[in-house]
Amino acid sequence: MTPAEFKKKWFRFQGKETSGYSEHFNDLCAMLGQQTPAEADPSGKDFFCFQKRVVKDAEFDLDTPDASAPEERGFADVWKRGFFAFEYKGKKKDLDAAYRQLLRYRESLENPPLLVVCDFDRYIVKTNFNGTVQEVYEFTNAEIDEPKNLRVLRALFENPDDLKPKHTTAEVTEKLAAKIAEVAKSLQKRESVEIADAKTRKQVNFAQRKNLRIARFLNRIVFCFFAEDNRTNVCWSW
């Protein structure tokens, strides 16, 4: 299948996710010259398949789970071990919701390095390499045959490391820490002058309260780096 044929066919498609996702994925394989899941893995479950059964939120399971809380199970639309997990939604549906599904599946899928969501027109590929800053690749069917987008799609099937981010979370955190330290020193220097220049007890108390507000402000900034970014799923560590 040529890119032009692929684009024409799926531009016209208006069906539901369940009625078209396996055919869409097989066409994608044909366009890229890749084996389909059934061709590569006739077992239908070992390493490359549709509807891979998963346990949701497997990373939160304990060695001795509560017997009264049964496992919540689901199915990943397409999975290739060590390469990617692929989740579909109907056209113009919420791809953020599809990505949240993959986040719940990923540990059960052996934490694949690439997570992909698609609504038959839009494609969003997010990197999932441990210890790196996440990168996102997004394009549409109309753009699918552009060299940069074909490179991303080929990396999905052939070599996910081609999309591995160059920056680690530790490097980014270190740079941010240095910037915050500069701000803290600048503020401290300015406020120390105010305290030194204070003539009355009231002025000293006012300057001290300003110092306390600055300290609280910086603490809030630091706290933000512990929080997980819901859009990029990057967790900054300090």
C-alpha atoms as a PDB file:
ATOM      1  CA  MET A   1       0.000   0.000   0.000  1.00  0.00           C
ATOM      2  CA  THR A   2       1.372   3.407  -0.968  1.00  0.00           C
ATOM      3  CA  PRO A   3       1.152   6.427   1.349  1.00  0.00           C
ATOM      4  CA  ALA A   4      -1.272   8.047  -1.104  1.00  0.00           C
ATOM      5  CA  GLU A   5      -3.574   5.005  -0.987  1.00  0.00           C
ATOM      6  CA  PHE A   6      -3.356   4.885   2.788  1.00  0.00           C
ATOM      7  CA  LYS A   7      -4.172   8.577   3.156  1.00  0.00           C
ATOM      8  CA  LYS A   8      -7.146   8.381   0.785  1.00  0.00           C
ATOM      9  CA  LYS A   9      -8.642   5.298   2.437  1.00  0.00           C
ATOM     10  CA  TRP A  10      -8.414   6.521   6.019  1.00  0.00           C
ATOM     11  CA  PHE A  11      -9.397  10.087   5.243  1.00  0.00           C
ATOM     12  CA  ARG A  12     -12.771   8.706   4.150  1.00  0.00           C
ATOM     13  CA  PHE A  13     -13.214   6.350   7.113  1.00  0.00           C
ATOM     14  CA  GLN A  14     -15.950   7.408   9.543  1.00  0.00           C
ATOM     15  CA  GLY A  15     -16.541   4.150  11.415  1.00  0.00           C
ATOM     16  CA  LYS A  16     -16.088   3.277  15.062  1.00  0.00           C
ATOM     17  CA  GLU A  17     -12.790   2.433  16.704  1.00  0.00           C
ATOM     18  CA  THR A  18     -13.693  -1.231  17.198  1.00  0.00           C
ATOM     19  CA  SER A  19     -14.700  -1.711  13.567  1.00  0.00           C
ATOM     20  CA  GLY A  20     -11.559  -0.311  12.020  1.00  0.00           C
ATOM     21  CA  TYR A  21      -8.492  -0.235  14.240  1.00  0.00           C
ATOM     22  CA  SER A  22      -7.052  -3.648  13.308  1.00  0.00           C
ATOM     23  CA  GLU A  23      -7.463  -2.953   9.578  1.00  0.00           C
ATOM     24  CA  HIS A  24      -5.952   0.493   9.992  1.00  0.00           C
ATOM     25  CA  PHE A  25      -2.940  -0.941  11.810  1.00  0.00           C
ATOM     26  CA  ASN A  26      -2.483  -3.698   9.210  1.00  0.00           C
ATOM     27  CA  ASP A  27      -2.593  -1.053   6.459  1.00  0.00           C
ATOM     28  CA  LEU A  28       0.001   0.941   8.357  1.00  0.00           C
ATOM     29  CA  CYS A  29       2.218  -2.157   8.410  1.00  0.00           C
ATOM     30  CA  ALA A  30       1.684  -2.640   4.666  1.00  0.00           C
ATOM     31  CA  MET A  31       2.572   0.977   3.914  1.00  0.00           C
ATOM     32  CA  LEU A  32       5.795   0.679   5.943  1.00  0.00           C
ATOM     33  CA  GLY A  33       6.725  -2.752   4.599  1.00  0.00           C
ATOM     34  CA  GLN A  34       6.374  -4.386   8.022  1.00  0.00           C
ATOM     35  CA  GLN A  35       4.866  -7.695   9.051  1.00  0.00           C
ATOM     36  CA  THR A  36       1.433  -7.527  10.623  1.00  0.00           C
ATOM     37  CA  PRO A  37       0.943  -8.922  14.134  1.00  0.00           C
ATOM     38  CA  ALA A  38      -0.582 -12.134  12.743  1.00  0.00           C
ATOM     39  CA  GLU A  39       2.337 -12.612  10.330  1.00  0.00           C
ATOM     40  CA  ALA A  40       5.052 -11.882  12.877  1.00  0.00           C
ATOM     41  CA  ASP A  41       3.496 -13.663  15.852  1.00  0.00           C
ATOM     42  CA  PRO A  42       1.073 -16.427  14.826  1.00  0.00           C
ATOM     43  CA  SER A  43       0.479 -17.258  18.493  1.00  0.00           C
ATOM     44  CA  GLY A  44      -1.536 -14.064  18.731  1.00  0.00           C
ATOM     45  CA  LYS A  45      -0.164 -13.270  22.194  1.00  0.00           C
ATOM     46  CA  ASP A  46       3.563 -13.848  22.678  1.00  0.00           C
ATOM     47  CA  PHE A  47       5.261 -10.650  21.522  1.00  0.00           C
ATOM     48  CA  PHE A  48       3.227  -8.825  18.857  1.00  0.00           C
ATOM     49  CA  CYS A  49      -0.548  -8.875  18.852  1.00  0.00           C
ATOM     50  CA  PHE A  50      -3.894  -7.146  18.929  1.00  0.00           C
ATOM     51  CA  GLN A  51      -5.936  -7.055  22.134  1.00  0.00           C
ATOM     52  CA  LYS A  52      -3.135  -7.889  24.554  1.00  0.00           C
ATOM     53  CA  ARG A  53      -4.690  -8.737  27.897  1.00  0.00           C
ATOM     54  CA  VAL A  54      -3.383  -6.579  30.740  1.00  0.00           C
ATOM     55  CA  VAL A  55      -3.794  -5.926  34.443  1.00  0.00           C
ATOM     56  CA  LYS A  56      -4.443  -2.224  34.947  1.00  0.00           C
ATOM     57  CA  ASP A  57      -2.146  -0.285  37.279  1.00  0.00           C
ATOM     58  CA  ALA A  58       0.107  -3.333  37.664  1.00  0.00           C
ATOM     59  CA  GLU A  59       2.898  -1.138  39.042  1.00  0.00           C
ATOM     60  CA  PHE A  60       0.796  -0.548  42.145  1.00  0.00           C
ATOM     61  CA  ASP A  61       0.236  -4.224  42.884  1.00  0.00           C
ATOM     62  CA  LEU A  62       1.811  -5.458  46.126  1.00  0.00           C
ATOM     63  CA  ASP A  63       3.376  -8.850  46.780  1.00  0.00           C
ATOM     64  CA  THR A  64       0.420  -9.645  49.009  1.00  0.00           C
ATOM     65  CA  PRO A  65      -2.568  -7.920  47.372  1.00  0.00           C
ATOM     66  CA  ASP A  66      -5.851  -7.468  49.165  1.00  0.00           C
ATOM     67  CA  ALA A  67      -7.995 -10.442  48.215  1.00  0.00           C
ATOM     68  CA  SER A  68     -11.094  -8.278  48.549  1.00  0.00           C
ATOM     69  CA  ALA A  69      -9.862  -5.977  45.758  1.00  0.00           C
ATOM     70  CA  PRO A  70      -9.961  -7.987  42.505  1.00  0.00           C
ATOM     71  CA  GLU A  71      -7.568  -7.103  39.710  1.00  0.00           C
ATOM     72  CA  GLU A  72      -8.936  -4.699  37.124  1.00  0.00           C
ATOM     73  CA  ARG A  73      -8.193  -6.081  33.676  1.00  0.00           C
ATOM     74  CA  GLY A  74      -8.299  -4.649  30.189  1.00  0.00           C
ATOM     75  CA  PHE A  75      -6.884  -4.970  26.682  1.00  0.00           C
ATOM     76  CA  ALA A  76      -4.250  -2.944  24.854  1.00  0.00           C
ATOM     77  CA  ASP A  77      -5.228  -2.480  21.202  1.00  0.00           C
ATOM     78  CA  VAL A  78      -1.783  -3.327  19.774  1.00  0.00           C
ATOM     79  CA  TRP A  79       1.410  -4.344  21.543  1.00  0.00           C
ATOM     80  CA  LYS A  80       4.909  -5.273  20.433  1.00  0.00           C
ATOM     81  CA  ARG A  81       7.256  -6.382  23.179  1.00  0.00           C
ATOM     82  CA  GLY A  82      10.179  -4.016  23.680  1.00  0.00           C
ATOM     83  CA  PHE A  83       8.858  -1.607  21.031  1.00  0.00           C
ATOM     84  CA  PHE A  84       5.475   0.011  21.653  1.00  0.00           C
ATOM     85  CA  ALA A  85       1.919  -0.046  22.932  1.00  0.00           C
ATOM     86  CA  PHE A  86      -0.717   1.425  20.616  1.00  0.00           C
ATOM     87  CA  GLU A  87      -4.162   2.626  21.675  1.00  0.00           C
ATOM     88  CA  TYR A  88      -6.924   3.742  19.308  1.00  0.00           C
ATOM     89  CA  LYS A  89      -9.903   6.049  19.693  1.00  0.00           C
ATOM     90  CA  GLY A  90     -12.592   7.009  17.199  1.00  0.00           C
ATOM     91  CA  LYS A  91     -12.065  10.052  14.992  1.00  0.00           C
ATOM     92  CA  LYS A  92     -11.892  13.328  16.927  1.00  0.00           C
ATOM     93  CA  LYS A  93     -12.142  11.499  20.248  1.00  0.00           C
ATOM     94  CA  ASP A  94     -10.053  12.350  23.304  1.00  0.00           C
ATOM     95  CA  LEU A  95      -6.519  11.092  22.735  1.00  0.00           C
ATOM     96  CA  ASP A  96      -5.484  12.247  26.199  1.00  0.00           C
ATOM     97  CA  ALA A  97      -7.902   9.636  27.542  1.00  0.00           C
ATOM     98  CA  ALA A  98      -6.285   7.010  25.307  1.00  0.00           C
ATOM     99  CA  TYR A  99      -2.867   7.965  26.658  1.00  0.00           C
ATOM    100  CA  ARG A 100      -4.109   7.689  30.236  1.00  0.00           C
ATOM    101  CA  GLN A 101      -5.231   4.165  29.401  1.00  0.00           C
ATOM    102  CA  LEU A 102      -1.746   3.286  28.195  1.00  0.00           C
ATOM    103  CA  LEU A 103      -0.255   4.642  31.400  1.00  0.00           C
ATOM    104  CA  ARG A 104      -2.426   2.209  33.317  1.00  0.00           C
ATOM    105  CA  TYR A 105      -1.377  -0.658  31.033  1.00  0.00           C
ATOM    106  CA  ARG A 106       2.332  -0.016  30.567  1.00  0.00           C
ATOM    107  CA  GLU A 107       3.750  -2.040  33.476  1.00  0.00           C
ATOM    108  CA  SER A 108       1.657  -5.024  32.491  1.00  0.00           C
ATOM    109  CA  LEU A 109       3.051  -4.583  28.954  1.00  0.00           C
ATOM    110  CA  GLU A 110       6.665  -4.648  30.242  1.00  0.00           C
ATOM    111  CA  ASN A 111       6.947  -0.860  30.081  1.00  0.00           C
ATOM    112  CA  PRO A 112       7.446  -0.374  26.312  1.00  0.00           C
ATOM    113  CA  PRO A 113       9.735   2.512  25.284  1.00  0.00           C
ATOM    114  CA  LEU A 114       7.123   4.122  23.012  1.00  0.00           C
ATOM    115  CA  LEU A 115       3.451   4.829  23.720  1.00  0.00           C
ATOM    116  CA  VAL A 116       1.228   5.675  20.750  1.00  0.00           C
ATOM    117  CA  VAL A 117      -2.338   6.943  20.509  1.00  0.00           C
ATOM    118  CA  CYS A 118      -4.311   7.391  17.294  1.00  0.00           C
ATOM    119  CA  ASP A 119      -7.815   8.392  16.177  1.00  0.00           C
ATOM    120  CA  PHE A 120      -7.377   7.243  12.550  1.00  0.00           C
ATOM    121  CA  ASP A 121      -6.299  10.762  11.603  1.00  0.00           C
ATOM    122  CA  ARG A 122      -3.998  12.036  14.370  1.00  0.00           C
ATOM    123  CA  TYR A 123      -0.952  10.186  15.660  1.00  0.00           C
ATOM    124  CA  ILE A 124       0.798  11.017  18.926  1.00  0.00           C
ATOM    125  CA  VAL A 125       3.975   9.114  19.811  1.00  0.00           C
ATOM    126  CA  LYS A 126       5.365   9.682  23.306  1.00  0.00           C
ATOM    127  CA  THR A 127       8.692   8.348  24.501  1.00  0.00           C
ATOM    128  CA  ASN A 128       8.710   6.248  27.668  1.00  0.00           C
ATOM    129  CA  PHE A 129      12.415   5.649  28.328  1.00  0.00           C
ATOM    130  CA  ASN A 130      13.385   5.523  31.995  1.00  0.00           C
ATOM    131  CA  GLY A 131      15.415   8.457  33.280  1.00  0.00           C
ATOM    132  CA  THR A 132      14.902  10.667  30.231  1.00  0.00           C
ATOM    133  CA  VAL A 133      12.864  13.766  29.480  1.00  0.00           C
ATOM    134  CA  GLN A 134       9.825  12.733  27.460  1.00  0.00           C
ATOM    135  CA  GLU A 135       9.608  13.786  23.832  1.00  0.00           C
ATOM    136  CA  VAL A 136       6.390  13.903  21.803  1.00  0.00           C
ATOM    137  CA  TYR A 137       5.906  13.420  18.065  1.00  0.00           C
ATOM    138  CA  GLU A 138       2.551  14.408  16.610  1.00  0.00           C
ATOM    139  CA  PHE A 139       1.245  14.397  13.041  1.00  0.00           C
ATOM    140  CA  THR A 140      -1.837  13.643  10.931  1.00  0.00           C
ATOM    141  CA  ASN A 141      -2.646  11.364   8.017  1.00  0.00           C
ATOM    142  CA  ALA A 142      -2.150  14.307   5.678  1.00  0.00           C
ATOM    143  CA  GLU A 143       1.437  14.580   6.948  1.00  0.00           C
ATOM    144  CA  ILE A 144       2.186  10.882   7.320  1.00  0.00           C
ATOM    145  CA  ASP A 145       4.445  10.620   4.262  1.00  0.00           C
ATOM    146  CA  GLU A 146       6.712  13.477   5.310  1.00  0.00           C
ATOM    147  CA  PRO A 147      10.245  12.090   5.868  1.00  0.00           C
ATOM    148  CA  LYS A 148      10.377  13.125   9.535  1.00  0.00           C
ATOM    149  CA  ASN A 149       7.094  11.340  10.268  1.00  0.00           C
ATOM    150  CA  LEU A 150       8.030   8.212   8.327  1.00  0.00           C
ATOM    151  CA  ARG A 151      11.228   8.131  10.395  1.00  0.00           C
ATOM    152  CA  VAL A 152       9.172   8.108  13.587  1.00  0.00           C
ATOM    153  CA  LEU A 153       6.895   5.338  12.311  1.00  0.00           C
ATOM    154  CA  ARG A 154       9.811   3.196  11.140  1.00  0.00           C
ATOM    155  CA  ALA A 155      11.481   3.609  14.530  1.00  0.00           C
ATOM    156  CA  LEU A 156       8.331   2.193  16.132  1.00  0.00           C
ATOM    157  CA  PHE A 157       8.756  -1.093  14.306  1.00  0.00           C
ATOM    158  CA  GLU A 158      12.508  -1.299  13.822  1.00  0.00           C
ATOM    159  CA  ASN A 159      14.508   0.574  16.456  1.00  0.00           C
ATOM    160  CA  PRO A 160      12.807   2.566  19.245  1.00  0.00           C
ATOM    161  CA  ASP A 161      16.224   3.798  20.419  1.00  0.00           C
ATOM    162  CA  ASP A 162      16.257   6.083  17.364  1.00  0.00           C
ATOM    163  CA  LEU A 163      13.702   8.171  19.271  1.00  0.00           C
ATOM    164  CA  LYS A 164      15.382   7.980  22.668  1.00  0.00           C
ATOM    165  CA  PRO A 165      15.682  11.500  24.127  1.00  0.00           C
ATOM    166  CA  LYS A 166      19.198  12.851  24.532  1.00  0.00           C
ATOM    167  CA  HIS A 167      18.464  14.727  27.747  1.00  0.00           C
ATOM    168  CA  THR A 168      18.061  12.925  31.061  1.00  0.00           C
ATOM    169  CA  THR A 169      15.785  14.100  33.857  1.00  0.00           C
ATOM    170  CA  ALA A 170      18.858  14.415  36.092  1.00  0.00           C
ATOM    171  CA  GLU A 171      20.507  16.853  33.665  1.00  0.00           C
ATOM    172  CA  VAL A 172      17.404  18.994  33.383  1.00  0.00           C
ATOM    173  CA  THR A 173      16.856  18.979  37.147  1.00  0.00           C
ATOM    174  CA  GLU A 174      20.476  20.005  37.751  1.00  0.00           C
ATOM    175  CA  LYS A 175      20.145  22.971  35.393  1.00  0.00           C
ATOM    176  CA  LEU A 176      16.868  24.051  36.969  1.00  0.00           C
ATOM    177  CA  ALA A 177      18.355  23.736  40.439  1.00  0.00           C
ATOM    178  CA  ALA A 178      21.214  26.023  39.434  1.00  0.00           C
ATOM    179  CA  LYS A 179      18.762  28.610  38.100  1.00  0.00           C
ATOM    180  CA  ILE A 180      16.691  28.528  41.286  1.00  0.00           C
ATOM    181  CA  ALA A 181      19.845  28.844  43.374  1.00  0.00           C
ATOM    182  CA  GLU A 182      20.750  31.997  41.422  1.00  0.00           C
ATOM    183  CA  VAL A 183      17.304  33.454  42.078  1.00  0.00           C
ATOM    184  CA  ALA A 184      17.516  32.558  45.764  1.00  0.00           C
ATOM    185  CA  LYS A 185      20.919  34.214  46.158  1.00  0.00           C
ATOM    186  CA  SER A 186      19.732  37.337  44.357  1.00  0.00           C
ATOM    187  CA  LEU A 187      16.644  37.653  46.539  1.00  0.00           C
ATOM    188  CA  GLN A 188      18.598  36.929  49.698  1.00  0.00           C
ATOM    189  CA  LYS A 189      21.146  39.594  48.836  1.00  0.00           C
ATOM    190  CA  ARG A 190      18.471  42.176  48.181  1.00  0.00           C
ATOM    191  CA  GLU A 191      16.535  41.444  51.367  1.00  0.00           C
ATOM    192  CA  SER A 192      19.664  41.339  53.539  1.00  0.00           C
ATOM    193  CA  VAL A 193      20.311  44.929  52.466  1.00  0.00           C
ATOM    194  CA  GLU A 194      16.813  45.901  53.595  1.00  0.00           C
ATOM    195  CA  ILE A 195      17.404  44.340  57.019  1.00  0.00           C
ATOM    196  CA  ALA A 196      20.780  46.070  57.338  1.00  0.00           C
ATOM    197  CA  ASP A 197      19.194  49.398  56.451  1.00  0.00           C
ATOM    198  CA  ALA A 198      16.296  48.999  58.888  1.00  0.00           C
ATOM    199  CA  LYS A 199      16.205  51.757  61.483  1.00  0.00           C
ATOM    200  CA  THR A 200      13.369  50.603  63.717  1.00  0.00           C
ATOM    201  CA  ARG A 201      12.099  47.313  65.117  1.00  0.00           C
ATOM    202  CA  LYS A 202       9.053  47.614  62.879  1.00  0.00           C
ATOM    203  CA  GLN A 203      11.236  47.901  59.778  1.00  0.00           C
ATOM    204  CA  VAL A 204      13.302  44.886  60.888  1.00  0.00           C
ATOM    205  CA  ASN A 205      10.154  42.799  61.414  1.00  0.00           C
ATOM    206  CA  PHE A 206       8.829  43.834  58.008  1.00  0.00           C
ATOM    207  CA  ALA A 207      12.079  42.832  56.281  1.00  0.00           C
ATOM    208  CA  GLN A 208      12.127  39.509  58.141  1.00  0.00           C
ATOM    209  CA  ARG A 209       8.564  38.759  57.063  1.00  0.00           C
ATOM    210  CA  LYS A 210       9.575  39.444  53.455  1.00  0.00           C
ATOM    211  CA  ASN A 211      12.441  36.975  53.855  1.00  0.00           C
ATOM    212  CA  LEU A 212       9.992  34.380  55.137  1.00  0.00           C
ATOM    213  CA  ARG A 213       7.666  34.937  52.153  1.00  0.00           C
ATOM    214  CA  ILE A 214      10.621  34.485  49.804  1.00  0.00           C
ATOM    215  CA  ALA A 215      11.584  31.224  51.533  1.00  0.00           C
ATOM    216  CA  ARG A 216       8.012  29.931  51.209  1.00  0.00           C
ATOM    217  CA  PHE A 217       7.920  30.950  47.549  1.00  0.00           C
ATOM    218  CA  LEU A 218      11.128  29.033  46.817  1.00  0.00           C
ATOM    219  CA  ASN A 219       9.812  26.011  48.728  1.00  0.00           C
ATOM    220  CA  ARG A 220       6.746  25.998  46.505  1.00  0.00           C
ATOM    221  CA  ILE A 221       8.926  26.042  43.395  1.00  0.00           C
ATOM    222  CA  VAL A 222      10.932  23.097  44.709  1.00  0.00           C
ATOM    223  CA  PHE A 223       7.726  21.244  45.583  1.00  0.00           C
ATOM    224  CA  CYS A 224       6.523  21.640  41.983  1.00  0.00           C
ATOM    225  CA  PHE A 225       9.480  19.581  40.781  1.00  0.00           C
ATOM    226  CA  PHE A 226       8.271  16.630  42.828  1.00  0.00           C
ATOM    227  CA  ALA A 227       4.863  16.753  41.167  1.00  0.00           C
ATOM    228  CA  GLU A 228       4.092  14.782  38.045  1.00  0.00           C
ATOM    229  CA  ASP A 229       3.270  16.793  34.957  1.00  0.00           C
ATOM    230  CA  ASN A 230      -0.097  15.405  33.756  1.00  0.00           C
ATOM    231  CA  ARG A 231       0.463  16.479  30.158  1.00  0.00           C
ATOM    232  CA  THR A 232       3.942  15.023  29.633  1.00  0.00           C
ATOM    233  CA  ASN A 233       4.090  12.453  32.385  1.00  0.00           C
ATOM    234  CA  VAL A 234       7.532  13.692  33.397  1.00  0.00           C
ATOM    235  CA  CYS A 235       8.280  13.383  37.076  1.00  0.00           C
ATOM    236  CA  TRP A 236      11.025  15.742  38.160  1.00  0.00           C
ATOM    237  CA  SER A 237      13.144  14.610  41.069  1.00  0.00           C
ATOM    238  CA  TRP A 238      15.168  16.817  43.359  1.00  0.00           C
END
